Amino acid sequence: MMEIYTNCDALVGDELELVRDVTIAVDRGKIAGIEEGRRDAGVDLAGGLVMPAFINAHTHIGDTAAKELGIGLPVEAAVKPPDGLKHRLLQAMSREELYRSIRQGLKEMMRSGVAAFGDFREGGLDGIRVLREASRDLPIRPVILGRPMADSKSGFKVTQRELEIIAAEADGFGISSIDAFTPVVFRAIRKIAGDKVFAIHISESPREAAMSVEKYGATEVRRAFEFEPDLMVHLTHATDEDIEELKIRRQPIVCCPRTNLLLGDGIPPLHKFYESGIPVAFGSDNMMFSSPDMFREIDMASRATRGATREPSSITAEYALRAATISGAKALKLDAELGSLKPGKAATFLVLDRGKDWCAFSRNELSSIVHRAGPADIRWYVYAGEPVIEDGVFLYENI
């Protein structure tokens, strides 16, 4: 049955073009058409602003049970395997505790308009399975990036069989660092991953970035190029030479400004990525340190970049919003379905209430989304044609 959403404006296509007074037709969970003009019948969106639902391109959702646990610690002490604070906590948790904490994290993401997320999943095969079970039948798409047990717990050796099982059950690999394994293992991961996502944490800590140059005579970014990852995460300390090569290679990357700032690691050179035309995606990263609220992520990224460079034109609101939508979908290989509003894609979108404070007297609504809006401003959230938030009411409160 065709569903009609009318009386709204919409940010259409990958470039988020603002189209006034449109009607969106939905058929079997997909956008059948976006046409100008209103219809008398259908769901009246009361002049709301429709935008693509968010894609959170990098998370550690299993750490929901450890909120604020590592505040004040450097990243190595807080989260580095195998003996970081979070790994000790995760290893002490029961499977049921982990499941419940993941469900809480999923609820927080859905409530804030996140349609899909890329999760670096610790815990080997069981870690993959518990996230798969926790998200089953919920209106959210996990991209589960598993890792062998040797990447998060001492006393284990990587085997070909384990890598093959992870590739079969997960959506790819999410490796803790370029120093986690030998080149032989990384080449095996690249081969086994095939068309799935092969992602690595790269150049997050200033100390590890400096150590890479001192020990190997090359940045972490350049060392990672050898293994051709589909996705590099963080790049907080990418050099100008790294950025030039990233541009040439058209390398997908994810940055996590809020968590990098809280951990004292610095801020990614987003202004240089922007100048180079590199389509950065954003992730909220570790649930220990940051909520999965992408409104907060884009606001912080925009403000911190302008402040750090002392140049108000060093990044744009459009670039930041694309980083949390279509660029994230491309990074996770989901852009055929998600990340922008186009006929044929999944009918997955947010409707922001223009009657709220974020929009009052706004002279640039896209900038207002980035710098003022929040989850409380979502009046409707539709995922693959089904409501998640309906007229301001979140429908999954009791999961």
Protein backbone atom coordinates (compact mmCIF):
# COMPACT_ATOMS: atom_id res chain seq x y z
CA MET A 1 0.00 0.00 0.00
CA MET A 2 1.31 3.43 -0.96
CA GLU A 3 1.98 5.79 1.96
CA ILE A 4 1.97 9.54 1.34
CA TYR A 5 3.83 12.17 3.38
CA THR A 6 2.94 15.70 2.41
CA ASN A 7 3.14 19.38 3.42
CA CYS A 8 6.89 19.49 4.03
CA ASP A 9 10.21 20.70 2.65
CA ALA A 10 13.03 18.22 2.09
CA LEU A 11 16.80 17.98 1.75
CA VAL A 12 16.95 15.94 -1.44
CA GLY A 13 19.79 13.97 -3.02
CA ASP A 14 23.42 13.52 -2.00
CA GLU A 15 23.99 17.28 -2.05
CA LEU A 16 21.11 17.92 0.40
CA GLU A 17 19.33 20.34 -1.92
CA LEU A 18 16.51 22.11 -0.09
CA VAL A 19 13.32 21.57 -2.10
CA ARG A 20 10.25 23.46 -0.95
CA ASP A 21 6.72 22.15 -0.57
CA VAL A 22 7.07 18.49 -1.52
CA THR A 23 5.18 15.23 -1.20
CA ILE A 24 7.03 11.96 -0.58
CA ALA A 25 5.43 8.75 -1.78
CA VAL A 26 6.49 5.50 -0.10
CA ASP A 27 5.83 2.04 -1.50
CA ARG A 28 6.86 -1.14 0.32
CA GLY A 29 9.45 0.67 2.41
CA LYS A 30 11.10 2.56 -0.44
CA ILE A 31 10.77 6.09 -1.75
CA ALA A 32 8.58 5.81 -4.83
CA GLY A 33 8.72 9.50 -5.65
CA ILE A 34 9.48 13.01 -4.39
CA GLU A 35 7.19 15.48 -6.13
CA GLU A 36 6.60 19.17 -5.72
CA GLY A 37 3.26 20.27 -4.37
CA ARG A 38 0.93 19.05 -1.64
CA ARG A 39 -1.72 16.38 -1.63
CA ASP A 40 -5.00 16.45 0.22
CA ALA A 41 -4.58 12.89 1.45
CA GLY A 42 -1.70 11.37 3.39
CA VAL A 43 0.31 12.09 6.54
CA ASP A 44 0.40 15.85 7.05
CA LEU A 45 3.92 16.76 8.20
CA ALA A 46 2.78 20.26 9.17
CA GLY A 47 5.50 22.08 7.28
CA GLY A 48 8.31 20.03 8.79
CA LEU A 49 11.80 19.76 7.30
CA VAL A 50 12.60 16.26 6.02
CA MET A 51 16.23 15.08 6.03
CA PRO A 52 17.97 11.70 5.69
CA ALA A 53 18.29 9.74 8.91
CA PHE A 54 21.79 9.71 10.38
CA ILE A 55 24.53 7.17 9.71
CA ASN A 56 26.88 6.77 12.68
CA ALA A 57 29.93 5.39 10.91
CA HIS A 58 32.00 4.34 13.94
CA THR A 59 30.87 3.05 17.32
CA HIS A 60 31.77 0.69 20.13
CA ILE A 61 28.25 -0.03 21.34
CA GLY A 62 29.29 -2.79 23.72
CA ASP A 63 30.82 -0.12 25.95
CA THR A 64 27.42 1.35 26.84
CA ALA A 65 27.83 -0.34 30.23
CA ALA A 66 30.99 1.70 30.89
CA LYS A 67 29.75 5.29 30.50
CA GLU A 68 32.29 7.81 31.87
CA LEU A 69 34.49 5.00 33.23
CA GLY A 70 37.72 6.20 31.63
CA ILE A 71 37.35 9.96 31.96
CA GLY A 72 40.72 11.57 32.59
CA LEU A 73 42.75 8.66 31.23
CA PRO A 74 44.73 8.66 27.99
CA VAL A 75 43.30 6.53 25.20
CA GLU A 76 45.91 3.80 25.67
CA ALA A 77 44.95 3.25 29.33
CA ALA A 78 41.23 3.57 28.72
CA VAL A 79 40.58 1.45 25.64
CA LYS A 80 43.72 -0.11 24.19
CA PRO A 81 43.58 -3.93 24.10
CA PRO A 82 44.17 -6.24 25.76
CA ASP A 83 44.52 -4.57 29.16
CA GLY A 84 42.74 -1.23 28.74
CA LEU A 85 40.14 -0.36 31.34
CA LYS A 86 37.23 -1.12 29.02
CA HIS A 87 38.59 -4.53 28.05
CA ARG A 88 38.92 -5.54 31.69
CA LEU A 89 35.30 -4.51 32.25
CA LEU A 90 34.00 -6.30 29.15
CA GLN A 91 35.79 -9.50 30.09
CA ALA A 92 34.16 -9.41 33.54
CA MET A 93 30.63 -8.86 32.19
CA SER A 94 28.16 -11.67 31.66
CA ARG A 95 26.64 -12.16 28.23
CA GLU A 96 23.27 -11.02 29.57
CA GLU A 97 24.78 -7.80 30.93
CA LEU A 98 26.44 -7.14 27.57
CA TYR A 99 23.18 -7.82 25.74
CA ARG A 100 21.23 -5.40 27.95
CA SER A 101 23.85 -2.68 27.60
CA ILE A 102 23.81 -3.03 23.81
CA ARG A 103 20.00 -2.77 23.78
CA GLN A 104 20.30 0.47 25.73
CA GLY A 105 22.79 1.81 23.22
CA LEU A 106 20.51 0.84 20.34
CA LYS A 107 17.62 2.65 21.98
CA GLU A 108 19.71 5.80 22.35
CA MET A 109 20.69 5.67 18.70
CA MET A 110 17.16 5.14 17.43
CA ARG A 111 15.80 7.90 19.64
CA SER A 112 18.33 10.34 18.14
CA GLY A 113 17.56 9.42 14.53
CA VAL A 114 20.41 7.00 13.71
CA ALA A 115 19.39 4.52 11.01
CA ALA A 116 22.66 2.58 10.71
CA PHE A 117 25.98 2.32 12.49
CA GLY A 118 29.38 0.72 11.98
CA ASP A 119 30.47 -1.10 15.12
CA PHE A 120 33.95 -2.34 15.96
CA ARG A 121 32.87 -5.49 17.78
CA GLU A 122 35.18 -7.02 20.36
CA GLY A 123 34.75 -10.49 21.78
CA GLY A 124 35.35 -12.65 18.75
CA LEU A 125 32.47 -14.70 17.38
CA ASP A 126 30.26 -14.34 20.45
CA GLY A 127 30.70 -10.58 20.38
CA ILE A 128 29.39 -10.53 16.82
CA ARG A 129 26.46 -12.76 17.68
CA VAL A 130 25.31 -10.83 20.74
CA LEU A 131 25.07 -7.60 18.74
CA ARG A 132 23.26 -9.41 15.93
CA GLU A 133 20.77 -10.82 18.44
CA ALA A 134 20.31 -7.52 20.27
CA SER A 135 19.50 -5.61 17.08
CA ARG A 136 17.28 -8.27 15.49
CA ASP A 137 13.81 -6.98 14.56
CA LEU A 138 14.68 -3.41 15.50
CA PRO A 139 14.53 -0.50 13.02
CA ILE A 140 18.28 0.03 12.86
CA ARG A 141 20.98 -1.45 10.63
CA PRO A 142 24.18 -2.60 12.34
CA VAL A 143 27.30 -3.00 10.24
CA ILE A 144 29.15 -5.41 12.50
CA LEU A 145 32.93 -5.31 12.08
CA GLY A 146 34.36 -8.24 14.01
CA ARG A 147 37.88 -8.97 15.10
CA PRO A 148 39.80 -12.08 16.14
CA MET A 149 40.16 -12.70 19.86
CA ALA A 150 43.91 -11.99 19.68
CA ASP A 151 43.08 -8.33 18.98
CA SER A 152 41.38 -7.81 22.33
CA LYS A 153 42.58 -10.53 24.68
CA SER A 154 46.03 -11.90 25.39
CA GLY A 155 46.90 -15.58 25.02
CA PHE A 156 45.20 -16.10 21.66
CA LYS A 157 46.72 -16.68 18.24
CA VAL A 158 45.08 -15.73 14.95
CA THR A 159 44.10 -18.63 12.73
CA GLN A 160 42.84 -18.75 9.16
CA ARG A 161 39.75 -20.58 10.37
CA GLU A 162 38.83 -17.89 12.89
CA LEU A 163 39.19 -15.16 10.26
CA GLU A 164 36.97 -17.10 7.87
CA ILE A 165 34.28 -17.58 10.52
CA ILE A 166 34.33 -13.87 11.38
CA ALA A 167 34.02 -12.96 7.71
CA ALA A 168 31.07 -15.34 7.35
CA GLU A 169 29.13 -14.02 10.36
CA ALA A 170 30.08 -10.34 10.44
CA ASP A 171 29.85 -7.53 7.90
CA GLY A 172 33.61 -7.18 7.85
CA PHE A 173 36.58 -6.56 10.14
CA GLY A 174 37.26 -3.74 12.59
CA ILE A 175 40.88 -3.90 13.80
CA SER A 176 42.17 -1.97 16.81
CA SER A 177 45.38 -0.59 15.28
CA ILE A 178 47.99 -0.97 12.57
CA ASP A 179 50.21 -2.58 15.22
CA ALA A 180 47.67 -5.24 16.21
CA PHE A 181 49.03 -7.89 13.82
CA THR A 182 51.91 -8.74 11.53
CA PRO A 183 51.76 -7.82 7.85
CA VAL A 184 51.06 -11.48 7.05
CA VAL A 185 47.89 -11.41 9.17
CA PHE A 186 46.74 -8.09 7.70
CA ARG A 187 47.15 -9.44 4.18
CA ALA A 188 45.11 -12.49 5.13
CA ILE A 189 42.37 -10.27 6.58
CA ARG A 190 42.32 -8.18 3.41
CA LYS A 191 41.95 -11.28 1.25
CA ILE A 192 39.32 -12.95 3.43
CA ALA A 193 37.27 -9.75 3.82
CA GLY A 194 36.60 -9.67 0.08
CA ASP A 195 33.78 -7.21 -0.64
CA LYS A 196 32.98 -6.73 3.03
CA VAL A 197 34.26 -3.75 5.04
CA PHE A 198 37.86 -3.96 6.27
CA ALA A 199 38.42 -1.10 8.74
CA ILE A 200 41.31 -0.10 11.02
CA HIS A 201 41.82 2.48 13.77
CA ILE A 202 44.57 4.74 12.43
CA SER A 203 46.54 7.66 13.90
CA GLU A 204 44.27 8.29 16.89
CA SER A 205 46.79 8.86 19.67
CA PRO A 206 49.56 11.48 19.30
CA ARG A 207 51.94 9.17 21.12
CA GLU A 208 51.32 6.22 18.82
CA ALA A 209 51.45 8.46 15.77
CA ALA A 210 54.91 9.69 16.84
CA MET A 211 56.07 6.17 17.67
CA SER A 212 55.14 4.93 14.19
CA VAL A 213 57.39 7.51 12.55
CA GLU A 214 60.21 6.88 15.01
CA LYS A 215 60.07 3.07 14.77
CA TYR A 216 59.10 2.52 11.13
CA GLY A 217 60.01 5.79 9.43
CA ALA A 218 56.42 6.11 8.20
CA THR A 219 53.10 7.39 9.50
CA GLU A 220 50.39 4.96 10.51
CA VAL A 221 48.35 6.12 7.54
CA ARG A 222 51.09 5.28 5.05
CA ARG A 223 51.74 1.91 6.68
CA ALA A 224 48.04 1.07 6.41
CA PHE A 225 47.93 1.79 2.68
CA GLU A 226 49.89 -1.43 2.10
CA PHE A 227 46.89 -3.48 3.22
CA GLU A 228 44.25 -1.48 1.32
CA PRO A 229 41.64 -1.08 4.07
CA ASP A 230 38.18 -0.07 2.94
CA LEU A 231 37.93 2.33 5.84
CA MET A 232 40.38 4.23 8.04
CA VAL A 233 39.02 5.49 11.37
CA HIS A 234 40.19 8.58 13.32
CA LEU A 235 43.20 10.08 11.42
CA THR A 236 43.46 12.68 14.17
CA HIS A 237 47.13 13.19 13.33
CA ALA A 238 47.14 12.77 9.57
CA THR A 239 49.96 14.76 7.98
CA ASP A 240 49.75 16.90 4.85
CA GLU A 241 51.48 14.11 2.93
CA ASP A 242 48.98 11.59 4.29
CA ILE A 243 46.09 13.81 3.19
CA GLU A 244 47.45 14.18 -0.31
CA GLU A 245 47.72 10.40 -0.64
CA LEU A 246 44.25 9.92 0.87
CA LYS A 247 42.89 12.25 -1.79
CA ILE A 248 44.67 10.43 -4.62
CA ARG A 249 43.49 7.04 -3.40
CA ARG A 250 39.94 8.28 -2.70
CA GLN A 251 40.24 6.60 0.68
CA PRO A 252 37.05 6.53 2.78
CA ILE A 253 37.70 7.80 6.30
CA VAL A 254 35.74 8.30 9.53
CA CYS A 255 36.51 10.94 12.15
CA CYS A 256 35.21 11.09 15.73
CA PRO A 257 35.80 14.66 16.95
CA ARG A 258 33.94 14.57 20.28
CA THR A 259 35.70 11.52 21.66
CA ASN A 260 39.11 12.63 20.35
CA LEU A 261 38.63 15.94 22.15
CA LEU A 262 37.50 14.36 25.42
CA LEU A 263 40.45 11.98 25.46
CA GLY A 264 42.88 14.82 24.83
CA ASP A 265 44.00 13.33 21.52
CA GLY A 266 43.33 16.49 19.54
CA ILE A 267 40.93 17.20 16.72
CA PRO A 268 41.13 15.68 13.23
CA PRO A 269 42.28 18.12 10.52
CA LEU A 270 38.77 18.41 9.12
CA HIS A 271 39.55 21.73 7.48
CA LYS A 272 42.26 20.05 5.41
CA PHE A 273 40.00 17.16 4.51
CA TYR A 274 37.37 19.71 3.46
CA GLU A 275 39.86 21.72 1.39
CA SER A 276 41.06 18.52 -0.30
CA GLY A 277 37.53 17.38 -1.14
CA ILE A 278 37.84 14.21 0.94
CA PRO A 279 34.31 13.09 1.95
CA VAL A 280 34.78 12.42 5.66
CA ALA A 281 32.19 10.40 7.58
CA PHE A 282 31.49 10.96 11.28
CA GLY A 283 31.16 8.49 14.13
CA SER A 284 30.40 8.99 17.81
CA ASP A 285 32.98 6.31 18.71
CA ASN A 286 33.14 4.78 22.16
CA MET A 287 29.97 4.77 24.27
CA MET A 288 32.22 5.16 27.33
CA PHE A 289 32.89 8.75 26.34
CA SER A 290 30.23 10.02 23.94
CA SER A 291 26.53 9.58 23.38
CA PRO A 292 25.55 8.34 19.89
CA ASP A 293 23.86 11.69 19.21
CA MET A 294 24.93 12.80 15.73
CA PHE A 295 23.42 16.25 16.23
CA ARG A 296 26.07 16.80 18.90
CA GLU A 297 28.77 15.32 16.68
CA ILE A 298 28.16 17.64 13.74
CA ASP A 299 27.83 20.69 15.98
CA MET A 300 31.09 19.96 17.81
CA ALA A 301 32.93 19.17 14.58
CA SER A 302 31.87 22.43 12.98
CA ARG A 303 32.63 24.63 15.99
CA ALA A 304 35.91 22.97 16.98
CA THR A 305 37.26 23.12 13.42
CA ARG A 306 36.49 26.81 13.05
CA GLY A 307 37.91 27.55 16.49
CA ALA A 308 41.09 25.54 16.01
CA THR A 309 41.84 27.16 12.66
CA ARG A 310 40.62 30.61 13.72
CA GLU A 311 38.95 30.69 10.34
CA PRO A 312 35.12 30.68 10.21
CA SER A 313 35.08 29.43 6.61
CA SER A 314 37.35 26.41 7.28
CA ILE A 315 34.37 24.02 7.14
CA THR A 316 30.73 24.32 6.09
CA ALA A 317 27.49 23.13 7.64
CA GLU A 318 26.73 21.23 4.43
CA TYR A 319 30.00 19.28 4.69
CA ALA A 320 29.31 18.38 8.32
CA LEU A 321 25.76 17.24 7.62
CA ARG A 322 26.85 15.12 4.66
CA ALA A 323 29.50 13.55 6.93
CA ALA A 324 26.70 12.30 9.19
CA THR A 325 24.46 11.08 6.35
CA ILE A 326 25.53 10.19 2.81
CA SER A 327 29.29 10.09 3.49
CA GLY A 328 28.69 7.69 6.38
CA ALA A 329 26.49 5.52 4.18
CA LYS A 330 29.22 5.37 1.53
CA ALA A 331 31.88 4.56 4.14
CA LEU A 332 29.83 1.55 5.31
CA LYS A 333 28.80 0.54 1.77
CA LEU A 334 25.15 1.31 2.51
CA ASP A 335 24.63 4.20 0.10
CA ALA A 336 22.51 2.19 -2.33
CA GLU A 337 19.81 2.18 0.38
CA LEU A 338 20.57 4.86 2.94
CA GLY A 339 22.15 8.28 3.47
CA SER A 340 20.08 10.47 1.14
CA LEU A 341 16.55 10.98 -0.12
CA LYS A 342 16.13 9.62 -3.64
CA PRO A 343 13.50 7.52 -5.40
CA GLY A 344 14.43 3.85 -5.08
CA LYS A 345 16.21 4.25 -1.75
CA ALA A 346 14.80 3.13 1.57
CA ALA A 347 12.17 5.48 2.97
CA THR A 348 14.32 6.32 5.98
CA PHE A 349 14.12 9.94 7.07
CA LEU A 350 13.68 12.40 9.91
CA VAL A 351 11.11 15.18 10.03
CA LEU A 352 12.30 18.13 12.11
CA ASP A 353 9.61 20.21 13.76
CA ARG A 354 9.91 23.76 12.50
CA GLY A 355 7.76 24.99 15.35
CA LYS A 356 10.63 24.36 17.79
CA ASP A 357 13.29 26.85 18.90
CA TRP A 358 16.01 25.49 16.59
CA CYS A 359 14.25 26.94 13.58
CA ALA A 360 12.64 30.13 14.89
CA PHE A 361 13.87 33.13 12.87
CA SER A 362 16.54 31.00 11.16
CA ARG A 363 18.13 32.58 8.07
CA ASN A 364 19.95 29.36 7.18
CA GLU A 365 18.07 26.22 8.16
CA LEU A 366 20.82 23.81 7.19
CA SER A 367 23.20 25.65 9.50
CA SER A 368 20.52 25.58 12.18
CA ILE A 369 20.27 21.78 11.88
CA VAL A 370 24.03 21.49 12.46
CA HIS A 371 24.37 24.09 15.21
CA ARG A 372 21.01 24.15 17.02
CA ALA A 373 18.79 21.11 16.42
CA GLY A 374 18.71 17.99 18.58
CA PRO A 375 16.81 14.73 19.09
CA ALA A 376 13.95 16.53 20.83
CA ASP A 377 13.24 18.34 17.54
CA ILE A 378 12.46 15.10 15.66
CA ARG A 379 8.71 14.99 15.19
CA TRP A 380 8.70 11.98 12.88
CA TYR A 381 11.28 9.31 12.19
CA VAL A 382 10.47 6.80 9.48
CA TYR A 383 12.70 3.75 8.93
CA ALA A 384 12.11 1.77 5.72
CA GLY A 385 8.57 3.06 5.67
CA GLU A 386 7.77 2.24 9.31
CA PRO A 387 7.51 4.88 12.06
CA VAL A 388 10.07 4.93 14.86
CA ILE A 389 9.03 8.33 16.19
CA GLU A 390 5.43 9.26 15.44
CA ASP A 391 4.23 12.80 16.06
CA GLY A 392 6.93 13.24 18.69
CA VAL A 393 6.43 9.89 20.45
CA PHE A 394 9.28 7.35 20.41
CA LEU A 395 7.64 3.98 19.77
CA TYR A 396 10.42 1.70 21.08
CA GLU A 397 10.80 2.96 24.64
CA ASN A 398 10.20 -0.46 26.21
CA ILE A 399 12.63 -2.63 24.21
